[in-house]
Protein backbone atom coordinates (compact mmCIF):
# COMPACT_ATOMS: atom_id res chain seq x y z
CA MET A 1 118.75 212.86 266.83
CA THR A 2 120.64 216.10 267.41
CA ILE A 3 118.95 218.98 265.60
CA SER A 4 121.46 220.69 263.34
CA LYS A 5 121.53 224.47 263.07
CA GLU A 6 120.75 224.25 259.36
CA ILE A 7 117.59 222.19 259.93
CA ALA A 8 116.54 224.39 262.86
CA LEU A 9 116.92 227.57 260.78
CA ARG A 10 114.80 226.12 257.99
CA ILE A 11 112.05 225.05 260.42
CA VAL A 12 112.02 228.40 262.21
CA SER A 13 111.87 230.28 258.91
CA ASP A 14 109.07 228.08 257.53
CA ILE A 15 106.89 228.36 260.65
CA SER A 16 107.46 232.09 261.14
CA GLY A 17 106.47 232.68 257.52
CA ILE A 18 103.14 230.99 258.18
CA ILE A 19 102.14 232.44 261.58
CA ASN A 20 103.92 235.81 261.20
CA GLN A 21 105.44 235.70 264.70
CA HIS A 22 108.99 235.46 266.07
CA VAL A 23 109.93 231.78 266.43
CA ASN A 24 112.83 230.17 268.33
CA MET A 25 114.25 226.65 268.29
CA MET A 26 116.16 225.35 271.33
CA ASN A 27 118.30 222.24 271.46
CA ASP A 28 118.26 219.57 274.18
CA GLN A 29 120.59 221.73 276.32
CA GLY A 30 118.24 224.71 276.27
CA ILE A 31 120.40 226.77 273.90
CA ILE A 32 118.66 228.78 271.18
CA ILE A 33 120.13 227.40 267.93
CA ALA A 34 117.80 229.18 265.51
CA SER A 35 115.60 232.26 265.78
CA THR A 36 113.95 234.89 263.63
CA ASP A 37 115.49 237.28 266.17
CA ALA A 38 119.17 236.84 265.31
CA ALA A 39 120.34 238.47 268.56
CA ARG A 40 118.94 235.55 270.58
CA ILE A 41 120.83 232.80 268.75
CA GLY A 42 123.38 231.12 271.01
CA THR A 43 121.76 232.34 274.26
CA TYR A 44 120.42 230.19 277.09
CA HIS A 45 116.66 229.62 277.37
CA ALA A 46 115.88 228.41 280.90
CA ALA A 47 112.22 227.62 280.11
CA ALA A 48 113.25 225.26 277.33
CA TYR A 49 115.66 223.50 279.66
CA ARG A 50 112.88 223.09 282.26
CA ILE A 51 110.57 221.56 279.63
CA ILE A 52 113.24 219.03 278.73
CA ASP A 53 114.32 218.33 282.32
CA GLU A 54 110.76 217.90 283.67
CA LYS A 55 109.26 216.53 280.46
CA LEU A 56 106.54 219.22 280.40
CA GLN A 57 103.94 219.29 277.62
CA GLU A 58 103.91 223.10 277.40
CA LEU A 59 105.26 226.11 279.25
CA THR A 60 103.79 229.59 278.92
CA ILE A 61 105.89 232.68 279.71
CA PHE A 62 103.71 235.63 280.79
CA ASP A 63 106.48 238.16 281.45
CA ASP A 64 109.84 238.82 279.77
CA ASP A 65 112.73 237.31 281.73
CA GLU A 66 110.34 235.24 283.89
CA TYR A 67 113.00 232.62 283.22
CA GLU A 68 116.58 233.39 282.27
CA GLY A 69 116.81 234.32 278.60
CA THR A 70 113.07 234.18 277.94
CA ARG A 71 110.37 236.46 276.59
CA LYS A 72 106.58 236.34 276.64
CA GLY A 73 105.20 233.44 274.64
CA ILE A 74 104.61 229.71 274.56
CA ASN A 75 107.13 226.86 274.36
CA VAL A 76 106.43 223.23 273.56
CA PRO A 77 108.65 220.15 273.30
CA VAL A 78 109.42 218.60 269.93
CA MET A 79 109.34 214.80 269.90
CA LEU A 80 111.23 212.48 267.57
CA ASN A 81 111.16 208.69 267.89
CA GLY A 82 109.67 209.02 271.38
CA ASP A 83 112.34 211.36 272.75
CA ILE A 84 112.43 215.14 273.24
CA ALA A 85 114.72 216.43 270.49
CA GLY A 86 114.32 220.10 271.34
CA VAL A 87 111.86 222.88 272.10
CA ILE A 88 110.03 225.25 269.76
CA GLY A 89 108.81 228.62 271.03
CA VAL A 90 106.68 231.48 269.72
CA THR A 91 107.19 234.99 271.10
CA GLY A 92 104.12 237.13 271.90
CA GLU A 93 101.19 237.77 274.21
CA TYR A 94 99.50 234.60 275.44
CA SER A 95 96.18 235.64 273.93
CA GLU A 96 97.83 235.91 270.50
CA VAL A 97 100.11 232.87 270.46
CA SER A 98 98.36 230.25 272.62
CA LYS A 99 96.35 229.02 269.63
CA TYR A 100 99.58 228.06 267.86
CA SER A 101 101.02 225.71 270.48
CA GLN A 102 99.84 222.38 269.08
CA ILE A 103 100.06 223.57 265.48
CA ILE A 104 103.72 224.54 265.73
CA ARG A 105 104.53 221.37 267.67
CA ARG A 106 103.02 219.18 264.97
CA MET A 107 104.50 221.22 262.11
CA THR A 108 107.95 221.11 263.69
CA GLU A 109 107.78 217.35 264.29
CA ILE A 110 106.72 216.76 260.67
CA LEU A 111 109.51 218.96 259.32
CA LEU A 112 112.01 217.38 261.70
CA LEU A 113 110.93 213.88 260.73
CA GLU A 114 111.27 214.77 257.04
CA SER A 115 114.78 216.11 257.66
CA TYR A 116 115.69 213.08 259.76
CA SER A 117 114.42 210.71 257.05
CA ALA A 118 116.34 212.60 254.36
CA GLU A 119 119.48 212.60 256.50
CA LEU A 120 119.11 208.87 257.16
CA LYS A 121 118.60 208.17 253.46
CA ASN A 122 121.67 210.24 252.57
CA LEU A 123 123.68 208.29 255.12
CA GLU A 124 122.42 204.98 253.74
CA ASP A 125 123.22 206.16 250.21
CA ARG A 126 126.77 207.10 251.24
CA ILE A 127 127.26 203.72 252.92
CA ARG A 128 125.96 201.96 249.81
CA GLN A 129 128.13 204.07 247.48
CA ARG A 130 131.18 203.35 249.62
CA PHE A 131 130.45 199.63 249.44
CA LEU A 132 129.89 199.75 245.67
CA GLY A 133 133.18 201.62 245.25
CA ASP A 134 134.96 198.97 247.31
CA TRP A 135 133.29 196.25 245.27
CA LEU A 136 134.31 197.70 241.93
CA SER A 137 137.92 198.05 243.06
CA ASN A 138 138.12 194.71 244.90
CA GLU A 139 141.00 192.58 243.62
CA THR A 140 140.29 189.58 245.88
CA VAL A 141 138.62 186.63 244.13
CA PRO A 142 136.81 184.78 245.57
CA TYR A 143 135.49 187.45 247.89
CA GLU A 144 136.17 187.20 251.61
CA GLN A 145 133.13 186.05 253.59
CA ALA A 146 132.95 189.33 255.54
CA PHE A 147 132.67 191.24 252.26
CA VAL A 148 129.97 188.85 250.98
CA GLU A 149 127.98 189.37 254.19
CA ARG A 150 128.45 193.13 253.95
CA GLY A 151 126.85 193.01 250.49
CA ARG A 152 123.99 190.80 251.63
CA GLY A 153 123.25 193.31 254.38
CA MET A 154 122.46 195.77 251.57
CA GLY A 155 120.52 193.27 249.52
CA ILE A 156 123.37 192.63 247.06
CA ASP A 157 124.70 189.15 246.34
CA VAL A 158 128.24 189.82 245.11
CA THR A 159 128.77 186.15 244.24
CA ILE A 160 126.40 186.36 241.23
CA PRO A 161 128.37 186.68 237.94
CA ARG A 162 127.79 190.05 236.32
CA ARG A 163 128.81 191.94 233.18
CA ILE A 164 129.46 195.67 233.12
CA LEU A 165 127.94 198.28 230.82
CA ALA A 166 129.40 201.76 231.29
CA ALA A 167 127.42 204.68 229.86
CA GLU A 168 127.64 208.46 229.79
CA ILE A 169 125.82 211.44 228.37
CA SER A 170 127.55 212.70 225.24
CA GLY A 171 128.80 216.24 225.89
CA LEU A 172 128.38 215.79 229.66
CA SER A 173 130.34 218.94 230.54
CA ALA A 174 127.64 221.12 228.98
CA TYR A 175 125.17 219.88 231.62
CA SER A 176 127.27 219.40 234.76
CA ASP A 177 128.16 223.06 235.36
CA ASN A 178 124.68 224.46 236.00
CA LEU A 179 121.63 223.65 238.13
CA LYS A 180 119.28 222.90 235.22
CA GLY A 181 121.83 220.60 233.63
CA GLN A 182 122.45 218.80 236.93
CA ARG A 183 118.72 218.12 237.24
CA ILE A 184 118.75 216.60 233.76
CA ILE A 185 121.74 214.42 234.73
CA ASP A 186 119.88 213.26 237.85
CA SER A 187 116.80 212.39 235.79
CA VAL A 188 118.90 210.47 233.26
CA ASN A 189 120.55 208.56 236.09
CA ARG A 190 117.15 207.58 237.51
CA SER A 191 115.99 206.38 234.10
CA VAL A 192 119.12 204.27 233.56
CA ARG A 193 118.81 202.87 237.08
CA ARG A 194 115.24 201.76 236.36
CA ILE A 195 116.28 200.00 233.15
CA THR A 196 119.20 198.32 234.93
CA GLU A 197 117.14 197.10 237.86
CA GLU A 198 114.50 195.59 235.58
CA ILE A 199 116.98 192.72 235.26
CA SER A 200 116.97 190.60 238.43
CA GLY A 201 120.20 190.76 240.44
CA SER A 202 121.49 193.80 238.54
CA VAL A 203 122.97 196.84 240.27
CA PHE A 204 123.34 200.49 239.20
CA VAL A 205 126.31 202.61 240.28
CA ARG A 206 126.65 206.34 239.60
CA THR A 207 130.13 207.81 239.40
CA ALA A 208 131.19 211.41 238.84
CA SER A 209 131.34 211.02 235.06
CA SER A 210 129.54 207.82 234.09
CA MET A 211 126.77 205.35 234.86
CA ILE A 212 127.87 201.81 235.66
CA CYS A 213 125.36 199.01 235.12
CA LEU A 214 126.30 195.66 236.68
CA LEU A 215 124.05 193.29 234.78
CA ALA A 216 123.36 189.73 235.91
CA GLY A 217 122.79 186.82 233.52
CA CYS A 218 123.42 188.78 230.30
CA ASP A 219 125.26 187.65 227.17
CA ASP A 220 126.59 190.03 224.50
CA ALA A 221 123.26 190.13 222.66
CA LYS A 222 121.33 191.04 225.81
CA LEU A 223 123.94 193.65 226.76
CA ARG A 224 123.62 195.32 223.36
CA SER A 225 119.84 195.23 223.73
CA VAL A 226 120.05 196.96 227.13
CA ALA A 227 122.44 199.60 225.75
CA GLU A 228 120.09 200.28 222.83
CA LYS A 229 117.10 200.53 225.19
CA ILE A 230 118.97 203.07 227.32
CA GLN A 231 119.92 205.09 224.25
CA ASP A 232 116.39 204.99 222.84
CA GLN A 233 114.65 206.02 226.07
CA ILE A 234 117.10 208.83 226.90
CA GLN A 235 116.89 210.16 223.35
CA LYS A 236 113.08 210.15 223.45
CA GLN A 237 112.74 211.58 226.96
CA TYR A 238 115.54 214.13 227.01
CA GLY A 239 116.82 214.45 223.44
CA LEU A 240 120.29 213.37 224.62
CA SER A 241 122.78 210.96 223.10
CA ILE A 242 124.26 208.19 225.25
CA ALA A 243 127.60 206.47 224.60
CA ALA A 244 128.03 202.95 225.98
CA GLY A 245 130.99 200.63 226.51
CA ILE A 246 130.62 196.94 227.31
CA ASP A 247 133.18 194.77 229.04
CA GLU A 248 134.63 191.39 228.19
CA PRO A 249 133.86 188.54 230.65
CA SER A 250 136.37 188.71 233.47
CA GLN A 251 136.73 186.97 236.81
CA LYS A 252 137.57 190.23 238.56
CA LEU A 253 134.92 192.94 238.54
CA SER A 254 137.64 195.61 238.72
CA ARG A 255 139.15 194.30 235.50
CA ALA A 256 135.73 194.15 233.84
CA LEU A 257 135.13 197.79 234.80
CA GLU A 258 138.46 198.82 233.31
CA LYS A 259 137.54 197.11 230.04
CA ALA A 260 134.06 198.65 229.96
CA GLN A 261 135.51 202.12 230.52
CA LYS A 262 138.03 201.65 227.69
CA ALA A 263 135.18 200.55 225.43
CA LEU A 264 133.18 203.60 226.55
CA ALA A 265 136.09 205.88 225.67
CA ALA A 266 136.17 204.29 222.21
CA ALA A 267 132.39 204.78 221.82
CA ARG A 268 132.57 208.55 222.18
CA GLY A 269 131.92 210.20 218.84
CA VAL A 270 131.33 206.88 217.04
CA PRO A 271 128.09 206.35 215.07
CA GLY A 272 125.82 204.15 217.19
CA ASN A 273 127.88 204.99 220.30
CA ILE A 274 128.08 201.36 221.50
CA ARG A 275 131.39 199.53 221.62
CA PHE A 276 132.40 196.17 223.06
CA TYR A 277 135.87 195.78 224.53
CA SER A 278 136.40 192.86 222.14
CA GLU A 279 135.95 195.26 219.19
CA ILE A 280 138.54 197.88 220.14
CA ASN A 281 142.23 197.98 219.30
CA LEU A 282 144.26 201.16 219.71
CA GLU A 283 141.70 202.39 222.23
CA ILE A 284 143.02 199.81 224.72
CA PHE A 285 145.98 202.05 225.49
CA MET A 286 144.65 205.37 224.17
CA ASP A 287 143.80 206.78 227.62
CA GLU A 288 147.22 205.82 228.96
CA VAL A 289 148.90 208.34 226.64
CA SER A 290 148.62 211.91 227.89
CA PRO A 291 147.00 214.57 225.65
CA ALA A 292 150.33 216.41 225.56
CA SER A 293 152.15 213.30 224.31
CA LYS A 294 149.44 212.67 221.72
CA MET A 295 149.76 216.21 220.41
CA GLU A 296 153.54 215.94 220.33
CA PHE A 297 153.27 212.76 218.24
CA ILE A 298 150.74 214.35 215.85
CA ARG A 299 152.98 217.36 215.26
CA HIS A 300 155.94 215.07 214.74
CA ILE A 301 154.11 213.08 212.03
CA PHE A 302 152.60 216.16 210.37
CA GLY A 303 155.77 218.18 210.86
CA GLY A 304 155.30 220.23 207.71
CA TYR A 305 151.88 221.50 208.74
CA THR A 306 150.52 223.97 211.28
CA ASP A 307 147.84 222.71 213.70
CA ARG A 308 145.15 224.36 211.58
CA GLU A 309 146.53 223.11 208.24
CA MET A 310 146.72 219.46 209.31
CA GLU A 311 142.94 219.06 209.59
CA LYS A 312 142.48 218.73 205.80
CA PRO A 313 145.09 216.02 205.23
CA ILE A 314 143.84 214.17 208.33
CA HIS A 315 140.31 214.13 206.91
CA LEU A 316 141.66 212.94 203.56
CA LEU A 317 143.67 210.16 205.21
CA ARG A 318 140.75 209.11 207.36
CA VAL A 319 138.67 208.48 204.24
CA TYR A 320 141.66 206.87 202.48
CA PHE A 321 142.11 204.37 205.32
CA ASP A 322 138.36 203.76 205.60
CA THR A 323 138.39 202.60 201.97
CA ASN A 324 141.46 200.40 202.52
CA GLY A 325 143.60 202.65 200.34
CA SER A 326 141.29 202.55 197.30
CA VAL A 327 142.06 205.62 195.20
CA SER A 328 138.84 205.46 193.21
CA ARG A 329 136.56 205.00 196.23
CA THR A 330 138.40 207.67 198.22
CA ALA A 331 138.13 210.16 195.36
CA GLU A 332 134.44 209.35 195.00
CA ARG A 333 133.73 209.92 198.68
CA LEU A 334 135.71 213.17 198.68
CA CYS A 335 134.04 214.27 195.44
CA ILE A 336 137.39 214.94 193.72
CA HIS A 337 139.17 213.53 190.66
CA LYS A 338 141.52 210.58 191.17
CA ASN A 339 144.43 212.65 189.84
CA THR A 340 143.66 215.35 192.38
CA LEU A 341 143.74 212.75 195.15
CA GLN A 342 147.08 211.44 193.91
CA TYR A 343 148.42 214.99 193.92
CA HIS A 344 147.33 215.45 197.58
CA LEU A 345 148.93 212.14 198.60
CA ASN A 346 152.17 213.06 196.86
CA LYS A 347 152.14 216.54 198.44
CA LEU A 348 151.61 214.93 201.85
CA HIS A 349 154.60 212.64 201.27
CA GLU A 350 156.67 215.61 200.20
CA ARG A 351 155.83 217.77 203.25
CA THR A 352 156.07 215.10 205.95
CA GLY A 353 158.55 212.64 204.50
CA LEU A 354 156.08 209.82 205.13
CA ASN A 355 154.36 208.00 202.29
CA PRO A 356 150.75 207.00 203.06
CA ARG A 357 151.01 204.24 200.40
CA ASN A 358 153.78 202.60 202.41
CA MET A 359 152.48 200.21 205.08
CA ALA A 360 154.91 201.29 207.84
CA ASP A 361 154.32 205.00 207.18
CA ALA A 362 150.57 204.44 206.91
CA ALA A 363 150.61 202.88 210.40
CA LEU A 364 152.18 206.07 211.80
CA TYR A 365 149.62 208.22 210.02
CA TYR A 366 146.80 206.00 211.31
CA LEU A 367 147.97 206.31 214.91
CA ALA A 368 148.34 210.09 214.58
CA ILE A 369 144.80 210.32 213.19
CA GLN A 370 143.42 208.31 216.14
CA PHE A 371 145.22 210.58 218.57
CA PHE A 372 143.92 213.65 216.75
CA GLY A 373 140.34 212.37 216.85
CA ASP A 374 140.65 211.64 220.57
CA ILE A 375 141.97 215.14 221.35
CA LYS A 376 139.79 217.17 219.03
CA LYS A 377 136.76 214.85 218.85
CA PHE A 378 137.07 215.54 215.14
């Protein structure tokens, strides 16, 4: 392992803070890559090179410049996986620093091993994430044998049929822009991963904006149960609401993901926050229409209203459509007289030229309302 400057600086700082002495870290070429004495960084340390070249256990410097680029102190090799990865040195009189030789060696090796393990894990995570991304976008069915073997090398059998549940934290943007919020997101991800992996053969994938659960051997009832369990646990642990979208069985995982994400989009702002792809209608193409086009359509339908004024008639129409056009039930839910409701409907017809009692015009209003809700989360 090549010691990076970042890791070396952290090790030097940590050790110097404990022993209160100047500390230097040299790489396997004898170059000082980190030091509490900034002026020495990047200079050659001949004693360190000798330790590496002759595989010495320790080298004490009694006089400054006894070796090129050195000062009084002790220098010991740092081992990692049986090889010398570098040299750590402490500046000072022998009588003061000799007691630290084995301590700093062991401390450095522990810190280096921790960094190496973290770096290795990050690399493995990146390799796994790259594979999962390839898997979710793979259009080849059945999978090529090389791809199947690639999955098995990571402990994933891609040939097992799976369903997709896509989930996200409601109001995610409020948490993603600060350190505290990011920690909460990470904790939520770990919780959802645990729930997912309780089901044998299931795989969890984290994307920038959502959590993808690839669940093995689950029917619709089991998928709803998993979604409800995720919602319940996250609500209890973090006080957060989770929206979930569930796919429709599909031969291609990429197509199943697309369906789950459309269902997730439909679940945002809906009571219960769980939607199956089989339950959605307009939402199938909702994300394919740009926000600008949606707003243009809304203003076209409600042409006689300003953006602020249209909120009241939209709310009225939403209730009107929810009651299947029942005047009495709409008036009851809005807490107004039936004649008052009729007046509002007539006024709406007058200002827009579209009659909400007419089926064709009602369809236009309904689409505009869906667009409005998607834009404003109203």
